[in-house]
C-alpha cells in the first residue's frame, strides 16, 4: 500500500504503511503526550512552525529528531537564563 505525503511543499510516497522511518514520526497526540500539553496546544505548535512537520495522509507528523532538538534548545536557553 502506498501513502502520499508532503513535506514543506514537496511530495512523495511511502511504500509501506509503517516503516522504520515512519516509526520515528510523532503524531500531534504523541507530541502532546511527550510535552505534557493538550491536543490544542500541540496543534498550535505544529501550525505555528515551532516544529518542522509533514503531512502523512490526513495526519500532521513531527520527526522525533526535530522534537528532541527543540527540547535540547529549550533546556539550553533555560540554563542560560533565556526564555
C-alpha atoms as a PDB file:
ATOM      1  CA  UNK A   1       0.000   0.000   0.000  1.00  0.00           C
ATOM      2  CA  UNK A   2       1.399   3.414  -0.931  1.00  0.00           C
ATOM      3  CA  UNK A   3       0.740   6.526   1.130  1.00  0.00           C
ATOM      4  CA  UNK A   4       1.160  10.058  -0.151  1.00  0.00           C
ATOM      5  CA  UNK A   5       2.964  12.585   1.993  1.00  0.00           C
ATOM      6  CA  UNK A   6       4.105  16.149   1.613  1.00  0.00           C
ATOM      7  CA  UNK A   7       6.961  17.865   3.407  1.00  0.00           C
ATOM      8  CA  UNK A   8       7.349  21.616   3.231  1.00  0.00           C
ATOM      9  CA  UNK A   9       5.848  21.761  -0.242  1.00  0.00           C
ATOM     10  CA  UNK A  10       7.452  18.595  -1.611  1.00  0.00           C
ATOM     11  CA  UNK A  11       5.601  15.356  -2.210  1.00  0.00           C
ATOM     12  CA  UNK A  12       6.490  11.684  -2.195  1.00  0.00           C
ATOM     13  CA  UNK A  13       5.208   8.222  -1.427  1.00  0.00           C
ATOM     14  CA  UNK A  14       5.737   5.822   1.466  1.00  0.00           C
ATOM     15  CA  UNK A  15       5.836   2.305   0.095  1.00  0.00           C
ATOM     16  CA  UNK A  16       4.563   0.645   3.262  1.00  0.00           C
ATOM     17  CA  UNK A  17       2.133   1.724   5.993  1.00  0.00           C
ATOM     18  CA  UNK A  18       4.762   1.667   8.776  1.00  0.00           C
ATOM     19  CA  UNK A  19       8.489   1.726   8.021  1.00  0.00           C
ATOM     20  CA  UNK A  20      11.463   2.315  10.295  1.00  0.00           C
ATOM     21  CA  UNK A  21      11.445   5.938   9.149  1.00  0.00           C
ATOM     22  CA  UNK A  22       7.757   6.481   9.886  1.00  0.00           C
ATOM     23  CA  UNK A  23       8.181   4.954  13.348  1.00  0.00           C
ATOM     24  CA  UNK A  24      10.416   7.961  14.064  1.00  0.00           C
ATOM     25  CA  UNK A  25       7.484  10.321  13.460  1.00  0.00           C
ATOM     26  CA  UNK A  26       5.266  11.698  16.225  1.00  0.00           C
ATOM     27  CA  UNK A  27       1.592  12.452  15.755  1.00  0.00           C
ATOM     28  CA  UNK A  28       0.027  15.543  17.339  1.00  0.00           C
ATOM     29  CA  UNK A  29      -1.370  13.333  20.116  1.00  0.00           C
ATOM     30  CA  UNK A  30       2.066  11.814  20.772  1.00  0.00           C
ATOM     31  CA  UNK A  31       3.626  15.276  20.699  1.00  0.00           C
ATOM     32  CA  UNK A  32       1.057  16.476  23.238  1.00  0.00           C
ATOM     33  CA  UNK A  33       1.766  13.489  25.489  1.00  0.00           C
ATOM     34  CA  UNK A  34       5.563  13.996  25.262  1.00  0.00           C
ATOM     35  CA  UNK A  35       5.247  17.703  26.121  1.00  0.00           C
ATOM     36  CA  UNK A  36       2.548  17.229  28.744  1.00  0.00           C
ATOM     37  CA  UNK A  37       0.169  19.607  26.968  1.00  0.00           C
ATOM     38  CA  UNK A  38      -3.262  19.271  25.401  1.00  0.00           C
ATOM     39  CA  UNK A  39      -4.000  18.438  21.777  1.00  0.00           C
ATOM     40  CA  UNK A  40      -4.998  22.022  21.013  1.00  0.00           C
ATOM     41  CA  UNK A  41      -1.625  23.302  22.209  1.00  0.00           C
ATOM     42  CA  UNK A  42       0.194  20.593  20.254  1.00  0.00           C
ATOM     43  CA  UNK A  43      -1.656  21.535  17.065  1.00  0.00           C
ATOM     44  CA  UNK A  44      -0.940  25.230  17.717  1.00  0.00           C
ATOM     45  CA  UNK A  45       2.769  24.418  17.960  1.00  0.00           C
ATOM     46  CA  UNK A  46       2.579  22.466  14.699  1.00  0.00           C
ATOM     47  CA  UNK A  47       0.722  25.151  12.777  1.00  0.00           C
ATOM     48  CA  UNK A  48       2.904  27.968  14.159  1.00  0.00           C
ATOM     49  CA  UNK A  49       6.003  26.318  12.703  1.00  0.00           C
ATOM     50  CA  UNK A  50       7.605  25.710  16.099  1.00  0.00           C
ATOM     51  CA  UNK A  51       8.268  22.170  14.887  1.00  0.00           C
ATOM     52  CA  UNK A  52       9.016  21.343  11.253  1.00  0.00           C
ATOM     53  CA  UNK A  53       6.218  18.982  10.315  1.00  0.00           C
ATOM     54  CA  UNK A  54       4.930  16.978   7.400  1.00  0.00           C
ATOM     55  CA  UNK A  55       1.555  15.736   6.393  1.00  0.00           C
ATOM     56  CA  UNK A  56       1.134  11.972   6.040  1.00  0.00           C
ATOM     57  CA  UNK A  57      -2.312  11.321   4.622  1.00  0.00           C
ATOM     58  CA  UNK A  58      -4.550  13.479   6.794  1.00  0.00           C
ATOM     59  CA  UNK A  59      -2.218  13.484   9.794  1.00  0.00           C
ATOM     60  CA  UNK A  60       0.451  16.044  10.660  1.00  0.00           C
ATOM     61  CA  UNK A  61       3.703  14.412  11.858  1.00  0.00           C
ATOM     62  CA  UNK A  62       6.915  15.635  13.505  1.00  0.00           C
ATOM     63  CA  UNK A  63      10.247  13.885  13.214  1.00  0.00           C
ATOM     64  CA  UNK A  64      11.414  12.681  16.630  1.00  0.00           C
ATOM     65  CA  UNK A  65      14.845  14.212  15.993  1.00  0.00           C
ATOM     66  CA  UNK A  66      13.235  17.650  15.444  1.00  0.00           C
ATOM     67  CA  UNK A  67      11.260  17.233  18.664  1.00  0.00           C
ATOM     68  CA  UNK A  68      14.409  16.272  20.583  1.00  0.00           C
ATOM     69  CA  UNK A  69      16.341  19.240  19.108  1.00  0.00           C
ATOM     70  CA  UNK A  70      13.532  21.561  20.252  1.00  0.00           C
ATOM     71  CA  UNK A  71      13.698  20.174  23.796  1.00  0.00           C
ATOM     72  CA  UNK A  72      17.501  20.451  23.868  1.00  0.00           C
ATOM     73  CA  UNK A  73      17.374  24.074  22.666  1.00  0.00           C
ATOM     74  CA  UNK A  74      14.717  24.995  25.238  1.00  0.00           C
ATOM     75  CA  UNK A  75      16.737  23.390  28.042  1.00  0.00           C
ATOM     76  CA  UNK A  76      19.929  25.185  26.958  1.00  0.00           C
ATOM     77  CA  UNK A  77      18.072  28.520  26.902  1.00  0.00           C
ATOM     78  CA  UNK A  78      16.673  27.975  30.381  1.00  0.00           C
ATOM     79  CA  UNK A  79      20.122  27.027  31.714  1.00  0.00           C
ATOM     80  CA  UNK A  80      21.485  30.316  30.372  1.00  0.00           C
ATOM     81  CA  UNK A  81      18.612  32.427  31.691  1.00  0.00           C
ATOM     82  CA  UNK A  82      16.770  32.680  28.360  1.00  0.00           C
ATOM     83  CA  UNK A  83      13.103  32.136  27.661  1.00  0.00           C
END
